[in-house]
Amino acid sequence: MGPVKAIIGGKGMAKKDKGKSKVTVYPDWCKGCGICVEFCPAKVLELSDQGKATVMREDDCIRCGFCELHCPDFAIVVRDKQPIKEDKPKTSDKKTATGKGA
């Protein structure tokens, strides 16, 4: 097995991220070069009848980032499906100072 297949097929890719990504292709920006389609290890994208990249298997996305980084038209964005929940500020258990020095 070659080094690329070992990384893609082995434990090198973050399988835990599979199904957690929202892949968006902006068709007005896409010129249909097919770079994203040819090199996506999970085969998430295909070219449509109009020759534009289209998301076909979003749940298979492993979030490797190749499509987003290599798109010459910046037509692809990969984000979390669920917004990351921010931690709520914890209420302080500090005792409030009282007396003359407060």
Protein backbone atom coordinates (compact mmCIF):
# COMPACT_ATOMS: atom_id res chain seq x y z
CA MET A 1 0.00 0.00 0.00
CA GLY A 2 1.42 3.38 -1.00
CA PRO A 3 1.85 6.29 1.43
CA VAL A 4 -1.21 8.17 0.15
CA LYS A 5 -3.49 5.14 0.46
CA ALA A 6 -2.11 4.44 3.92
CA ILE A 7 -3.06 7.93 5.07
CA ILE A 8 -6.47 8.02 3.37
CA GLY A 9 -7.53 4.44 4.05
CA GLY A 10 -5.74 4.01 7.35
CA LYS A 11 -6.13 5.79 10.63
CA GLY A 12 -4.50 8.96 9.30
CA MET A 13 -7.83 10.65 8.47
CA ALA A 14 -10.14 11.81 11.21
CA LYS A 15 -13.03 9.37 10.81
CA LYS A 16 -14.57 10.85 13.96
CA ASP A 17 -15.44 13.94 11.92
CA LYS A 18 -17.35 11.93 9.31
CA GLY A 19 -20.91 13.17 9.02
CA LYS A 20 -20.32 16.29 11.10
CA SER A 21 -19.54 18.68 8.25
CA LYS A 22 -21.67 20.98 6.12
CA VAL A 23 -20.17 21.27 2.63
CA THR A 24 -21.31 24.27 0.58
CA VAL A 25 -20.47 24.85 -3.08
CA TYR A 26 -21.22 28.30 -4.51
CA PRO A 27 -22.18 27.45 -8.11
CA ASP A 28 -21.82 31.04 -9.32
CA TRP A 29 -18.16 30.95 -8.30
CA CYS A 30 -17.40 27.41 -9.50
CA LYS A 31 -15.89 27.17 -13.00
CA GLY A 32 -16.12 23.37 -13.04
CA CYS A 33 -12.42 22.51 -13.09
CA GLY A 34 -13.12 19.24 -11.24
CA ILE A 35 -10.12 19.38 -8.89
CA CYS A 36 -12.37 18.86 -5.88
CA VAL A 37 -14.19 15.94 -7.49
CA GLU A 38 -11.04 14.12 -8.58
CA PHE A 39 -9.14 14.39 -5.32
CA CYS A 40 -11.86 14.06 -2.66
CA PRO A 41 -10.92 10.87 -0.77
CA ALA A 42 -14.55 10.34 0.33
CA LYS A 43 -16.09 11.09 -3.10
CA VAL A 44 -18.44 13.68 -1.61
CA LEU A 45 -18.57 15.87 -4.72
CA GLU A 46 -19.60 15.27 -8.34
CA LEU A 47 -19.87 17.49 -11.40
CA SER A 48 -23.46 18.37 -12.29
CA ASP A 49 -25.00 18.45 -15.77
CA GLN A 50 -24.04 22.13 -15.86
CA GLY A 51 -20.42 21.18 -15.17
CA LYS A 52 -20.37 22.60 -11.63
CA ALA A 53 -19.27 20.83 -8.45
CA THR A 54 -22.24 19.51 -6.48
CA VAL A 55 -22.39 17.97 -3.01
CA MET A 56 -23.74 14.43 -3.43
CA ARG A 57 -22.63 12.54 -0.29
CA GLU A 58 -22.18 15.13 2.44
CA ASP A 59 -22.42 12.57 5.26
CA ASP A 60 -19.32 10.84 3.87
CA CYS A 61 -17.17 13.98 4.27
CA ILE A 62 -14.17 13.29 6.51
CA ARG A 63 -13.23 16.96 6.68
CA CYS A 64 -9.80 16.59 5.18
CA GLY A 65 -10.12 20.12 3.78
CA PHE A 66 -8.66 19.33 0.37
CA CYS A 67 -11.59 20.70 -1.62
CA GLU A 68 -11.73 23.96 0.29
CA LEU A 69 -7.98 24.55 0.19
CA HIS A 70 -7.43 23.62 -3.46
CA CYS A 71 -10.47 25.23 -5.10
CA PRO A 72 -9.00 27.95 -7.33
CA ASP A 73 -12.29 29.87 -7.22
CA PHE A 74 -12.85 29.69 -3.42
CA ALA A 75 -16.25 28.18 -4.26
CA ILE A 76 -16.25 25.54 -1.50
CA VAL A 77 -16.70 26.03 2.22
CA VAL A 78 -16.63 23.23 4.80
CA ARG A 79 -18.09 24.00 8.23
CA ASP A 80 -19.49 22.20 11.26
CA LYS A 81 -23.09 21.07 10.80
CA GLN A 82 -23.92 22.04 14.36
CA PRO A 83 -22.62 25.36 15.62
CA ILE A 84 -20.01 24.91 18.30
CA LYS A 85 -21.58 25.62 21.66
CA GLU A 86 -19.67 28.19 23.59
CA ASP A 87 -19.07 27.51 27.23
CA LYS A 88 -21.27 29.60 29.42
CA PRO A 89 -19.30 31.78 31.77
CA LYS A 90 -19.16 30.09 35.12
CA THR A 91 -20.48 32.02 38.03
CA SER A 92 -17.76 32.79 40.42
CA ASP A 93 -17.82 31.21 43.84
CA LYS A 94 -15.62 34.00 45.14
CA LYS A 95 -16.72 35.52 48.35
CA THR A 96 -17.38 39.19 48.12
CA ALA A 97 -15.04 41.19 50.28
CA THR A 98 -16.67 43.21 52.98
CA GLY A 99 -15.34 45.64 55.49
CA LYS A 100 -12.97 48.57 55.36
CA GLY A 101 -10.63 47.22 52.71
CA ALA A 102 -13.35 46.38 50.23
